[in-house]
PDB file of N, CA and C in Angstrom:
ATOM      1  N   UNK A   1      -5.433   4.886  -5.979  1.00  0.00           N
ATOM      2  CA  UNK A   1      -5.757   5.739  -6.762  1.00  0.00           C
ATOM      3  C   UNK A   1      -7.058   7.009  -5.676  1.00  0.00           C
ATOM      4  N   UNK A   2      -7.583   6.541  -5.721  1.00  0.00           N
ATOM      5  CA  UNK A   2      -8.639   7.442  -4.911  1.00  0.00           C
ATOM      6  C   UNK A   2      -8.456   7.771  -3.540  1.00  0.00           C
ATOM      7  N   UNK A   3      -7.324   7.333  -2.623  1.00  0.00           N
ATOM      8  CA  UNK A   3      -7.067   7.515  -1.630  1.00  0.00           C
ATOM      9  C   UNK A   3      -6.041   8.360  -2.298  1.00  0.00           C
ATOM     10  N   UNK A   4      -5.057   8.672  -3.157  1.00  0.00           N
ATOM     11  CA  UNK A   4      -4.785   9.760  -3.139  1.00  0.00           C
ATOM     12  C   UNK A   4      -5.068  11.408  -3.822  1.00  0.00           C
ATOM     13  N   UNK A   5      -6.418  10.993  -4.480  1.00  0.00           N
ATOM     14  CA  UNK A   5      -6.988  12.012  -5.358  1.00  0.00           C
ATOM     15  C   UNK A   5      -7.526  12.710  -4.283  1.00  0.00           C
ATOM     16  N   UNK A   6      -7.738  12.002  -2.954  1.00  0.00           N
ATOM     17  CA  UNK A   6      -8.715  12.240  -1.448  1.00  0.00           C
ATOM     18  C   UNK A   6      -7.820  13.300  -1.386  1.00  0.00           C
ATOM     19  N   UNK A   7      -7.193  12.932  -0.644  1.00  0.00           N
ATOM     20  CA  UNK A   7      -5.065  13.217  -0.333  1.00  0.00           C
ATOM     21  C   UNK A   7      -4.893  14.581  -1.020  1.00  0.00           C
ATOM     22  N   UNK A   8      -4.991  14.597  -2.284  1.00  0.00           N
ATOM     23  CA  UNK A   8      -4.564  15.544  -2.848  1.00  0.00           C
ATOM     24  C   UNK A   8      -5.280  16.924  -2.711  1.00  0.00           C
ATOM     25  N   UNK A   9      -5.973  16.965  -1.993  1.00  0.00           N
ATOM     26  CA  UNK A   9      -6.958  18.075  -1.850  1.00  0.00           C
ATOM     27  C   UNK A   9      -6.606  18.962  -0.371  1.00  0.00           C
ATOM     28  N   UNK A  10      -5.623  18.080   0.334  1.00  0.00           N
ATOM     29  CA  UNK A  10      -5.057  19.335   1.961  1.00  0.00           C
ATOM     30  C   UNK A  10      -3.612  19.130   1.370  1.00  0.00           C
ATOM     31  N   UNK A  11      -3.712  20.711   1.892  1.00  0.00           N
ATOM     32  CA  UNK A  11      -2.001  21.165   1.204  1.00  0.00           C
ATOM     33  C   UNK A  11      -1.271  21.247   2.936  1.00  0.00           C
ATOM     34  N   UNK A  12      -1.872  20.311   3.298  1.00  0.00           N
ATOM     35  CA  UNK A  12      -0.684  21.023   4.563  1.00  0.00           C
ATOM     36  C   UNK A  12      -0.979  18.888   5.403  1.00  0.00           C
ATOM     37  N   UNK A  13      -0.563  18.675   6.747  1.00  0.00           N
ATOM     38  CA  UNK A  13      -0.327  17.934   7.746  1.00  0.00           C
ATOM     39  C   UNK A  13       0.705  16.470   6.851  1.00  0.00           C
ATOM     40  N   UNK A  14       0.410  15.336   7.505  1.00  0.00           N
ATOM     41  CA  UNK A  14       0.929  14.473   6.584  1.00  0.00           C
ATOM     42  C   UNK A  14       0.071  13.472   6.285  1.00  0.00           C
ATOM     43  N   UNK A  15       0.425  13.006   4.925  1.00  0.00           N
ATOM     44  CA  UNK A  15      -0.236  12.532   3.764  1.00  0.00           C
ATOM     45  C   UNK A  15      -0.048  10.577   4.047  1.00  0.00           C
ATOM     46  N   UNK A  16      -0.848  10.103   4.703  1.00  0.00           N
ATOM     47  CA  UNK A  16      -0.645   8.392   4.496  1.00  0.00           C
ATOM     48  C   UNK A  16      -1.445   7.656   3.834  1.00  0.00           C
ATOM     49  N   UNK A  17      -1.415   6.810   3.726  1.00  0.00           N
ATOM     50  CA  UNK A  17      -2.434   6.033   2.939  1.00  0.00           C
ATOM     51  C   UNK A  17      -2.480   5.046   4.325  1.00  0.00           C
ATOM     52  N   UNK A  18      -3.137   4.260   4.187  1.00  0.00           N
ATOM     53  CA  UNK A  18      -2.834   2.628   5.058  1.00  0.00           C
ATOM     54  C   UNK A  18      -3.589   1.729   4.233  1.00  0.00           C
ATOM     55  N   UNK A  19      -2.945   0.729   3.695  1.00  0.00           N
ATOM     56  CA  UNK A  19      -3.237  -0.175   3.313  1.00  0.00           C
ATOM     57  C   UNK A  19      -3.555  -1.608   3.974  1.00  0.00           C
ATOM     58  N   UNK A  20      -4.559  -2.409   3.678  1.00  0.00           N
ATOM     59  CA  UNK A  20      -4.921  -3.173   4.430  1.00  0.00           C
ATOM     60  C   UNK A  20      -5.062  -4.531   3.021  1.00  0.00           C
ATOM     61  N   UNK A  21      -3.923  -5.106   2.657  1.00  0.00           N
ATOM     62  CA  UNK A  21      -4.267  -6.460   1.545  1.00  0.00           C
ATOM     63  C   UNK A  21      -3.624  -7.528   1.999  1.00  0.00           C
ATOM     64  N   UNK A  22      -4.172  -8.179   0.431  1.00  0.00           N
ATOM     65  CA  UNK A  22      -3.171  -9.538   0.612  1.00  0.00           C
ATOM     66  C   UNK A  22      -2.326  -9.477  -0.496  1.00  0.00           C
ATOM     67  N   UNK A  23      -1.596  -8.595  -0.446  1.00  0.00           N
ATOM     68  CA  UNK A  23      -0.964  -8.154  -1.776  1.00  0.00           C
ATOM     69  C   UNK A  23      -0.425  -7.857  -2.937  1.00  0.00           C
ATOM     70  N   UNK A  24      -1.348  -8.256  -2.912  1.00  0.00           N
ATOM     71  CA  UNK A  24      -2.313  -8.984  -5.075  1.00  0.00           C
ATOM     72  C   UNK A  24      -3.015  -7.647  -5.766  1.00  0.00           C
ATOM     73  N   UNK A  25      -2.020  -7.051  -6.691  1.00  0.00           N
ATOM     74  CA  UNK A  25      -3.534  -6.103  -6.807  1.00  0.00           C
ATOM     75  C   UNK A  25      -3.529  -7.140  -8.343  1.00  0.00           C
ATOM     76  N   UNK A  26      -4.896  -7.071  -8.024  1.00  0.00           N
ATOM     77  CA  UNK A  26      -6.102  -7.567  -8.856  1.00  0.00           C
ATOM     78  C   UNK A  26      -6.512  -6.740 -10.136  1.00  0.00           C
ATOM     79  N   UNK A  27      -6.546  -5.310  -9.574  1.00  0.00           N
ATOM     80  CA  UNK A  27      -7.564  -4.668  -9.668  1.00  0.00           C
ATOM     81  C   UNK A  27      -6.513  -2.801 -11.036  1.00  0.00           C
ATOM     82  N   UNK A  28      -6.888  -2.589 -12.093  1.00  0.00           N
ATOM     83  CA  UNK A  28      -6.892  -1.199 -12.341  1.00  0.00           C
ATOM     84  C   UNK A  28      -7.315  -0.417 -13.100  1.00  0.00           C
ATOM     85  N   UNK A  29      -7.488   0.607 -13.437  1.00  0.00           N
ATOM     86  CA  UNK A  29      -8.403   1.550 -14.088  1.00  0.00           C
ATOM     87  C   UNK A  29      -7.134   2.453 -15.222  1.00  0.00           C
ATOM     88  N   UNK A  30      -8.302   1.593 -16.381  1.00  0.00           N
ATOM     89  CA  UNK A  30      -7.672   2.634 -17.679  1.00  0.00           C
ATOM     90  C   UNK A  30      -8.974   2.558 -18.304  1.00  0.00           C
ATOM     91  N   UNK A  31      -8.398   4.313 -18.854  1.00  0.00           N
ATOM     92  CA  UNK A  31      -9.443   5.202 -19.708  1.00  0.00           C
ATOM     93  C   UNK A  31     -10.686   4.893 -19.499  1.00  0.00           C
ATOM     94  N   UNK A  32     -10.080   4.671 -18.094  1.00  0.00           N
ATOM     95  CA  UNK A  32     -12.393   4.920 -16.881  1.00  0.00           C
ATOM     96  C   UNK A  32     -12.497   4.100 -16.885  1.00  0.00           C
ATOM     97  N   UNK A  33     -12.378   2.969 -17.524  1.00  0.00           N
ATOM     98  CA  UNK A  33     -13.025   1.961 -16.564  1.00  0.00           C
ATOM     99  C   UNK A  33     -11.428   0.871 -15.673  1.00  0.00           C
ATOM    100  N   UNK A  34     -12.177   0.577 -15.225  1.00  0.00           N
ATOM    101  CA  UNK A  34     -11.676  -0.964 -13.862  1.00  0.00           C
ATOM    102  C   UNK A  34     -12.088  -1.947 -14.790  1.00  0.00           C
ATOM    103  N   UNK A  35     -10.588  -2.823 -14.963  1.00  0.00           N
ATOM    104  CA  UNK A  35     -10.217  -3.835 -15.748  1.00  0.00           C
ATOM    105  C   UNK A  35     -10.205  -4.877 -14.079  1.00  0.00           C
ATOM    106  N   UNK A  36     -10.453  -6.294 -13.867  1.00  0.00           N
ATOM    107  CA  UNK A  36     -10.248  -7.093 -13.031  1.00  0.00           C
ATOM    108  C   UNK A  36      -9.606  -8.362 -13.442  1.00  0.00           C
ATOM    109  N   UNK A  37      -8.513  -8.887 -12.615  1.00  0.00           N
ATOM    110  CA  UNK A  37      -8.290  -9.621 -13.234  1.00  0.00           C
ATOM    111  C   UNK A  37      -7.437 -10.820 -11.966  1.00  0.00           C
ATOM    112  N   UNK A  38      -7.399 -12.302 -12.550  1.00  0.00           N
ATOM    113  CA  UNK A  38      -7.065 -12.596 -12.031  1.00  0.00           C
ATOM    114  C   UNK A  38      -6.391 -14.041 -12.462  1.00  0.00           C
ATOM    115  N   UNK A  39      -5.170 -14.006 -12.705  1.00  0.00           N
ATOM    116  CA  UNK A  39      -3.806 -13.607 -11.710  1.00  0.00           C
ATOM    117  C   UNK A  39      -3.751 -12.410 -12.517  1.00  0.00           C
ATOM    118  N   UNK A  40      -2.577 -11.518 -11.824  1.00  0.00           N
ATOM    119  CA  UNK A  40      -3.328 -10.095 -12.049  1.00  0.00           C
ATOM    120  C   UNK A  40      -1.830 -10.336 -12.999  1.00  0.00           C
ATOM    121  N   UNK A  41      -2.473  -9.110 -14.641  1.00  0.00           N
ATOM    122  CA  UNK A  41      -1.985  -9.186 -15.485  1.00  0.00           C
ATOM    123  C   UNK A  41      -0.520  -8.591 -15.336  1.00  0.00           C
ATOM    124  N   UNK A  42       0.350  -8.367 -16.199  1.00  0.00           N
ATOM    125  CA  UNK A  42       1.068  -7.543 -16.353  1.00  0.00           C
ATOM    126  C   UNK A  42       1.343  -5.967 -15.978  1.00  0.00           C
ATOM    127  N   UNK A  43       0.156  -5.842 -16.255  1.00  0.00           N
ATOM    128  CA  UNK A  43      -0.700  -4.032 -16.896  1.00  0.00           C
ATOM    129  C   UNK A  43      -0.803  -3.748 -15.470  1.00  0.00           C
ATOM    130  N   UNK A  44      -1.829  -4.963 -15.144  1.00  0.00           N
ATOM    131  CA  UNK A  44      -2.993  -4.357 -13.920  1.00  0.00           C
ATOM    132  C   UNK A  44      -1.122  -4.288 -12.919  1.00  0.00           C
ATOM    133  N   UNK A  45       0.091  -4.537 -12.897  1.00  0.00           N
ATOM    134  CA  UNK A  45       1.021  -4.808 -11.837  1.00  0.00           C
ATOM    135  C   UNK A  45       1.702  -3.420 -12.340  1.00  0.00           C
ATOM    136  N   UNK A  46       2.079  -3.168 -13.577  1.00  0.00           N
ATOM    137  CA  UNK A  46       2.294  -1.971 -14.063  1.00  0.00           C
ATOM    138  C   UNK A  46       1.830  -0.224 -13.805  1.00  0.00           C
ATOM    139  N   UNK A  47       0.431  -0.567 -14.072  1.00  0.00           N
ATOM    140  CA  UNK A  47      -0.710  -0.054 -13.411  1.00  0.00           C
ATOM    141  C   UNK A  47      -0.207   0.446 -11.802  1.00  0.00           C
ATOM    142  N   UNK A  48      -0.012  -0.403 -10.902  1.00  0.00           N
ATOM    143  CA  UNK A  48      -0.222  -0.245  -9.478  1.00  0.00           C
ATOM    144  C   UNK A  48       1.216   0.503  -9.429  1.00  0.00           C
ATOM    145  N   UNK A  49       2.330  -0.249  -9.963  1.00  0.00           N
ATOM    146  CA  UNK A  49       3.379   0.930  -9.667  1.00  0.00           C
ATOM    147  C   UNK A  49       3.309   1.931 -10.108  1.00  0.00           C
ATOM    148  N   UNK A  50       2.630   2.379 -10.597  1.00  0.00           N
ATOM    149  CA  UNK A  50       3.384   3.877 -11.242  1.00  0.00           C
ATOM    150  C   UNK A  50       1.895   4.579 -10.219  1.00  0.00           C
ATOM    151  N   UNK A  51       0.790   4.192  -9.848  1.00  0.00           N
ATOM    152  CA  UNK A  51       0.597   4.941  -8.911  1.00  0.00           C
ATOM    153  C   UNK A  51       1.029   4.989  -7.520  1.00  0.00           C
ATOM    154  N   UNK A  52       1.378   4.138  -7.189  1.00  0.00           N
ATOM    155  CA  UNK A  52       2.759   4.187  -5.620  1.00  0.00           C
ATOM    156  C   UNK A  52       3.203   5.007  -6.716  1.00  0.00           C
ATOM    157  N   UNK A  53       4.807   5.126  -7.600  1.00  0.00           N
ATOM    158  CA  UNK A  53       5.263   6.422  -8.185  1.00  0.00           C
ATOM    159  C   UNK A  53       4.805   7.713  -7.739  1.00  0.00           C
ATOM    160  N   UNK A  54       3.216   7.946  -8.120  1.00  0.00           N
ATOM    161  CA  UNK A  54       2.623   8.922  -8.705  1.00  0.00           C
ATOM    162  C   UNK A  54       2.175   9.310  -6.739  1.00  0.00           C
ATOM    163  N   UNK A  55       1.877   8.004  -5.914  1.00  0.00           N
ATOM    164  CA  UNK A  55       1.836   9.078  -4.288  1.00  0.00           C
ATOM    165  C   UNK A  55       2.744   9.456  -4.089  1.00  0.00           C
ATOM    166  N   UNK A  56       4.263   8.955  -4.414  1.00  0.00           N
ATOM    167  CA  UNK A  56       5.434   8.902  -3.868  1.00  0.00           C
ATOM    168  C   UNK A  56       5.860  11.058  -3.866  1.00  0.00           C
ATOM    169  N   UNK A  57       6.004  10.751  -5.038  1.00  0.00           N
ATOM    170  CA  UNK A  57       5.606  12.435  -5.835  1.00  0.00           C
ATOM    171  C   UNK A  57       4.646  13.554  -5.221  1.00  0.00           C
ATOM    172  N   UNK A  58       3.951  12.542  -5.165  1.00  0.00           N
ATOM    173  CA  UNK A  58       2.728  13.981  -4.232  1.00  0.00           C
ATOM    174  C   UNK A  58       3.473  13.720  -2.618  1.00  0.00           C
ATOM    175  N   UNK A  59       4.256  13.374  -2.070  1.00  0.00           N
ATOM    176  CA  UNK A  59       4.930  13.099  -0.491  1.00  0.00           C
ATOM    177  C   UNK A  59       3.549  12.394   0.139  1.00  0.00           C
ATOM    178  N   UNK A  60       2.966  11.267  -0.322  1.00  0.00           N
ATOM    179  CA  UNK A  60       1.789  10.271   0.228  1.00  0.00           C
ATOM    180  C   UNK A  60       2.714   9.417   0.147  1.00  0.00           C
ATOM    181  N   UNK A  61       2.690   9.063   1.901  1.00  0.00           N
ATOM    182  CA  UNK A  61       3.448   7.388   2.352  1.00  0.00           C
ATOM    183  C   UNK A  61       2.230   6.731   2.061  1.00  0.00           C
ATOM    184  N   UNK A  62       2.577   5.140   1.779  1.00  0.00           N
ATOM    185  CA  UNK A  62       1.499   4.030   1.257  1.00  0.00           C
ATOM    186  C   UNK A  62       2.461   3.280   2.713  1.00  0.00           C
ATOM    187  N   UNK A  63       1.310   2.611   3.868  1.00  0.00           N
ATOM    188  CA  UNK A  63       2.009   2.014   4.945  1.00  0.00           C
ATOM    189  C   UNK A  63       0.872   0.944   4.581  1.00  0.00           C
ATOM    190  N   UNK A  64       1.451  -0.325   4.890  1.00  0.00           N
ATOM    191  CA  UNK A  64       0.807  -1.665   3.694  1.00  0.00           C
ATOM    192  C   UNK A  64       0.998  -3.064   5.391  1.00  0.00           C
ATOM    193  N   UNK A  65      -0.727  -3.194   5.435  1.00  0.00           N
ATOM    194  CA  UNK A  65      -0.614  -4.056   6.378  1.00  0.00           C
ATOM    195  C   UNK A  65      -1.070  -5.869   5.719  1.00  0.00           C
ATOM    196  N   UNK A  66       0.343  -6.145   5.193  1.00  0.00           N
ATOM    197  CA  UNK A  66      -0.053  -7.337   4.258  1.00  0.00           C
ATOM    198  C   UNK A  66      -0.692  -8.331   5.054  1.00  0.00           C
ATOM    199  N   UNK A  67      -1.505  -9.343   5.143  1.00  0.00           N
ATOM    200  CA  UNK A  67      -1.879 -10.344   5.745  1.00  0.00           C
ATOM    201  C   UNK A  67      -1.757 -12.230   5.259  1.00  0.00           C
ATOM    202  N   UNK A  68      -0.926 -11.606   4.060  1.00  0.00           N
ATOM    203  CA  UNK A  68      -0.562 -13.422   3.821  1.00  0.00           C
ATOM    204  C   UNK A  68       1.105 -13.022   3.521  1.00  0.00           C
ATOM    205  N   UNK A  69       1.172 -14.552   3.398  1.00  0.00           N
ATOM    206  CA  UNK A  69       2.610 -14.402   3.723  1.00  0.00           C
ATOM    207  C   UNK A  69       3.292 -14.766   2.014  1.00  0.00           C
ATOM    208  N   UNK A  70       2.810 -15.391   1.358  1.00  0.00           N
ATOM    209  CA  UNK A  70       3.458 -15.785   0.382  1.00  0.00           C
ATOM    210  C   UNK A  70       4.556 -14.995  -0.342  1.00  0.00           C
ATOM    211  N   UNK A  71       5.713 -15.993  -0.973  1.00  0.00           N
ATOM    212  CA  UNK A  71       7.156 -15.439  -1.456  1.00  0.00           C
ATOM    213  C   UNK A  71       6.448 -14.225  -2.478  1.00  0.00           C
ATOM    214  N   UNK A  72       5.725 -14.472  -3.315  1.00  0.00           N
ATOM    215  CA  UNK A  72       5.734 -13.563  -4.180  1.00  0.00           C
ATOM    216  C   UNK A  72       4.661 -12.354  -4.023  1.00  0.00           C
ATOM    217  N   UNK A  73       3.965 -12.385  -3.256  1.00  0.00           N
ATOM    218  CA  UNK A  73       3.168 -11.271  -2.270  1.00  0.00           C
ATOM    219  C   UNK A  73       3.981 -10.734  -1.842  1.00  0.00           C
ATOM    220  N   UNK A  74       5.234 -11.443  -0.780  1.00  0.00           N
ATOM    221  CA  UNK A  74       6.019 -10.169  -0.320  1.00  0.00           C
ATOM    222  C   UNK A  74       6.584  -9.580  -1.115  1.00  0.00           C
ATOM    223  N   UNK A  75       7.469 -10.422  -1.867  1.00  0.00           N
ATOM    224  CA  UNK A  75       8.333  -9.502  -2.899  1.00  0.00           C
ATOM    225  C   UNK A  75       7.316  -8.131  -3.975  1.00  0.00           C
ATOM    226  N   UNK A  76       6.059  -8.416  -3.993  1.00  0.00           N
ATOM    227  CA  UNK A  76       5.801  -7.404  -4.572  1.00  0.00           C
ATOM    228  C   UNK A  76       5.263  -6.330  -3.808  1.00  0.00           C
ATOM    229  N   UNK A  77       4.992  -6.229  -2.377  1.00  0.00           N
ATOM    230  CA  UNK A  77       5.041  -5.434  -1.376  1.00  0.00           C
ATOM    231  C   UNK A  77       6.378  -4.911  -1.254  1.00  0.00           C
ATOM    232  N   UNK A  78       7.225  -5.556  -1.109  1.00  0.00           N
ATOM    233  CA  UNK A  78       8.143  -4.500  -0.647  1.00  0.00           C
ATOM    234  C   UNK A  78       9.357  -3.470  -2.133  1.00  0.00           C
ATOM    235  N   UNK A  79       8.741  -4.413  -2.876  1.00  0.00           N
ATOM    236  CA  UNK A  79       8.981  -3.279  -4.033  1.00  0.00           C
ATOM    237  C   UNK A  79       7.940  -2.187  -3.883  1.00  0.00           C
ATOM    238  N   UNK A  80       7.130  -1.972  -3.205  1.00  0.00           N
ATOM    239  CA  UNK A  80       6.074  -0.356  -3.575  1.00  0.00           C
ATOM    240  C   UNK A  80       6.472  -0.223  -2.526  1.00  0.00           C
ATOM    241  N   UNK A  81       6.893  -0.470  -1.101  1.00  0.00           N
ATOM    242  CA  UNK A  81       7.587  -0.266   0.175  1.00  0.00           C
ATOM    243  C   UNK A  81       8.421   0.426  -0.114  1.00  0.00           C
ATOM    244  N   UNK A  82       9.761  -0.396  -1.368  1.00  0.00           N
ATOM    245  CA  UNK A  82      10.610   0.776  -1.420  1.00  0.00           C
ATOM    246  C   UNK A  82      10.518   1.658  -2.857  1.00  0.00           C
ATOM    247  N   UNK A  83      10.248   1.854  -3.728  1.00  0.00           N
ATOM    248  CA  UNK A  83       9.219   3.029  -4.237  1.00  0.00           C
ATOM    249  C   UNK A  83       9.042   4.385  -3.655  1.00  0.00           C
ATOM    250  N   UNK A  84       8.175   3.210  -2.805  1.00  0.00           N
ATOM    251  CA  UNK A  84       7.131   5.188  -1.922  1.00  0.00           C
ATOM    252  C   UNK A  84       7.983   5.255  -0.751  1.00  0.00           C
ATOM    253  N   UNK A  85       8.704   4.657   0.040  1.00  0.00           N
ATOM    254  CA  UNK A  85       9.564   4.652   1.246  1.00  0.00           C
ATOM    255  C   UNK A  85       9.030   4.963   2.621  1.00  0.00           C
ATOM    256  N   UNK A  86       7.622   4.011   2.384  1.00  0.00           N
ATOM    257  CA  UNK A  86       6.744   4.037   3.454  1.00  0.00           C
ATOM    258  C   UNK A  86       7.297   2.747   4.309  1.00  0.00           C
ATOM    259  N   UNK A  87       6.748   1.798   4.938  1.00  0.00           N
ATOM    260  CA  UNK A  87       6.737   0.771   5.757  1.00  0.00           C
ATOM    261  C   UNK A  87       5.186  -0.589   5.252  1.00  0.00           C
ATOM    262  N   UNK A  88       6.046  -1.668   5.953  1.00  0.00           N
ATOM    263  CA  UNK A  88       5.408  -2.610   5.508  1.00  0.00           C
ATOM    264  C   UNK A  88       5.694  -3.715   6.703  1.00  0.00           C
ATOM    265  N   UNK A  89       3.656  -4.110   7.101  1.00  0.00           N
ATOM    266  CA  UNK A  89       3.951  -4.561   8.758  1.00  0.00           C
ATOM    267  C   UNK A  89       3.387  -6.174   7.725  1.00  0.00           C
ATOM    268  N   UNK A  90       3.692  -7.296   8.480  1.00  0.00           N
ATOM    269  CA  UNK A  90       3.909  -8.701   7.786  1.00  0.00           C
ATOM    270  C   UNK A  90       2.759  -9.151   9.517  1.00  0.00           C
ATOM    271  N   UNK A  91       1.308  -9.285   8.745  1.00  0.00           N
ATOM    272  CA  UNK A  91       0.927  -9.835   9.340  1.00  0.00           C
ATOM    273  C   UNK A  91      -0.221 -10.640   9.335  1.00  0.00           C
ATOM    274  N   UNK A  92      -1.334 -11.439   9.908  1.00  0.00           N
ATOM    275  CA  UNK A  92      -2.255 -12.103   9.187  1.00  0.00           C
ATOM    276  C   UNK A  92      -3.658 -11.580   9.996  1.00  0.00           C
ATOM    277  N   UNK A  93      -4.540 -12.116   9.238  1.00  0.00           N
ATOM    278  CA  UNK A  93      -6.331 -11.474   9.796  1.00  0.00           C
ATOM    279  C   UNK A  93      -6.082 -11.893  12.064  1.00  0.00           C
ATOM    280  N   UNK A  94      -5.948 -12.245  12.189  1.00  0.00           N
ATOM    281  CA  UNK A  94      -6.323 -12.545  13.806  1.00  0.00           C
ATOM    282  C   UNK A  94      -4.644 -12.052  14.698  1.00  0.00           C
ATOM    283  N   UNK A  95      -3.965 -11.388  13.636  1.00  0.00           N
ATOM    284  CA  UNK A  95      -2.874 -10.704  14.561  1.00  0.00           C
ATOM    285  C   UNK A  95      -3.307  -9.351  14.127  1.00  0.00           C
ATOM    286  N   UNK A  96      -3.476  -8.740  13.487  1.00  0.00           N
ATOM    287  CA  UNK A  96      -3.566  -7.083  12.249  1.00  0.00           C
ATOM    288  C   UNK A  96      -3.569  -6.765  13.554  1.00  0.00           C
ATOM    289  N   UNK A  97      -4.205  -6.583  14.619  1.00  0.00           N
ATOM    290  CA  UNK A  97      -5.362  -5.539  16.296  1.00  0.00           C
ATOM    291  C   UNK A  97      -3.369  -5.315  16.437  1.00  0.00           C
ATOM    292  N   UNK A  98      -2.544  -6.157  16.449  1.00  0.00           N
ATOM    293  CA  UNK A  98      -1.075  -6.239  17.162  1.00  0.00           C
ATOM    294  C   UNK A  98      -0.166  -4.784  17.137  1.00  0.00           C
ATOM    295  N   UNK A  99      -0.477  -5.287  15.434  1.00  0.00           N
ATOM    296  CA  UNK A  99       0.014  -3.753  14.692  1.00  0.00           C
ATOM    297  C   UNK A  99      -0.097  -2.321  14.357  1.00  0.00           C
ATOM    298  N   UNK A 100      -1.565  -1.929  15.282  1.00  0.00           N
ATOM    299  CA  UNK A 100      -1.919  -0.704  14.728  1.00  0.00           C
ATOM    300  C   UNK A 100      -1.424   0.200  15.612  1.00  0.00           C
ATOM    301  N   UNK A 101      -0.972  -0.076  16.844  1.00  0.00           N
ATOM    302  CA  UNK A 101      -0.617   0.792  17.028  1.00  0.00           C
ATOM    303  C   UNK A 101       1.010   1.091  16.710  1.00  0.00           C
ATOM    304  N   UNK A 102       1.055   2.454  15.812  1.00  0.00           N
ATOM    305  CA  UNK A 102       2.388   2.645  15.187  1.00  0.00           C
ATOM    306  C   UNK A 102       2.971   3.758  15.177  1.00  0.00           C
ATOM    307  N   UNK A 103       4.399   3.494  15.492  1.00  0.00           N
ATOM    308  CA  UNK A 103       5.524   5.170  15.635  1.00  0.00           C
ATOM    309  C   UNK A 103       5.482   5.842  14.591  1.00  0.00           C
ATOM    310  N   UNK A 104       5.105   6.293  13.426  1.00  0.00           N
ATOM    311  CA  UNK A 104       5.325   6.802  12.181  1.00  0.00           C
ATOM    312  C   UNK A 104       6.563   8.049  11.792  1.00  0.00           C
ATOM    313  N   UNK A 105       6.662   8.878  13.093  1.00  0.00           N
ATOM    314  CA  UNK A 105       7.486   9.511  13.673  1.00  0.00           C
ATOM    315  C   UNK A 105       9.152   9.006  13.700  1.00  0.00           C
ATOM    316  N   UNK A 106       9.362   7.947  14.412  1.00  0.00           N
ATOM    317  CA  UNK A 106      10.676   7.730  14.194  1.00  0.00           C
ATOM    318  C   UNK A 106      10.342   6.179  13.552  1.00  0.00           C
ATOM    319  N   UNK A 107       9.719   5.679  12.666  1.00  0.00           N
ATOM    320  CA  UNK A 107       9.429   4.758  12.057  1.00  0.00           C
ATOM    321  C   UNK A 107       9.699   3.163  12.979  1.00  0.00           C
ATOM    322  N   UNK A 108       9.226   2.662  14.291  1.00  0.00           N
ATOM    323  CA  UNK A 108       9.018   1.784  14.907  1.00  0.00           C
ATOM    324  C   UNK A 108       7.988   1.429  14.792  1.00  0.00           C
ATOM    325  N   UNK A 109       7.925   0.364  15.230  1.00  0.00           N
ATOM    326  CA  UNK A 109       6.621  -0.347  15.459  1.00  0.00           C
ATOM    327  C   UNK A 109       6.018  -0.859  16.634  1.00  0.00           C
ATOM    328  N   UNK A 110       5.141  -1.028  17.384  1.00  0.00           N
ATOM    329  CA  UNK A 110       5.050  -1.457  18.774  1.00  0.00           C
ATOM    330  C   UNK A 110       4.121  -2.302  18.375  1.00  0.00           C
ATOM    331  N   UNK A 111       4.400  -3.769  19.311  1.00  0.00           N
ATOM    332  CA  UNK A 111       3.504  -4.649  19.534  1.00  0.00           C
ATOM    333  C   UNK A 111       3.315  -4.421  20.704  1.00  0.00           C
ATOM    334  N   UNK A 112       1.570  -5.263  20.753  1.00  0.00           N
ATOM    335  CA  UNK A 112       0.655  -4.830  22.146  1.00  0.00           C
ATOM    336  C   UNK A 112       0.404  -6.282  22.440  1.00  0.00           C
ATOM    337  N   UNK A 113       0.501  -6.760  23.589  1.00  0.00           N
ATOM    338  CA  UNK A 113      -0.072  -8.092  24.507  1.00  0.00           C
ATOM    339  C   UNK A 113      -0.755  -8.462  23.905  1.00  0.00           C
TER     340      UNK A 113
END
């Protein structure tokens, strides 16, 4: 939400959010208040996907570097990626650096040795 607001100020150029996450939505903002919860509530999931759709309408691409491989979390990141037409990179904290060099124009990632 904060990234979307910052990017909304800029009218030109490519707008992208780089999200490094375990893939689990555990907080959302409602009526100006931040709500944290674990496990994620259905409301938090709903609000997170609502924000993904908002970013998509604003032309903001979300590229997610996911640091966990659990099936449930992967499904959530896949859902976000489908909505936004962004990219998801499934990695681990010790291999994150291998995915940093990314060719956003062709949609291919390059792995460093």
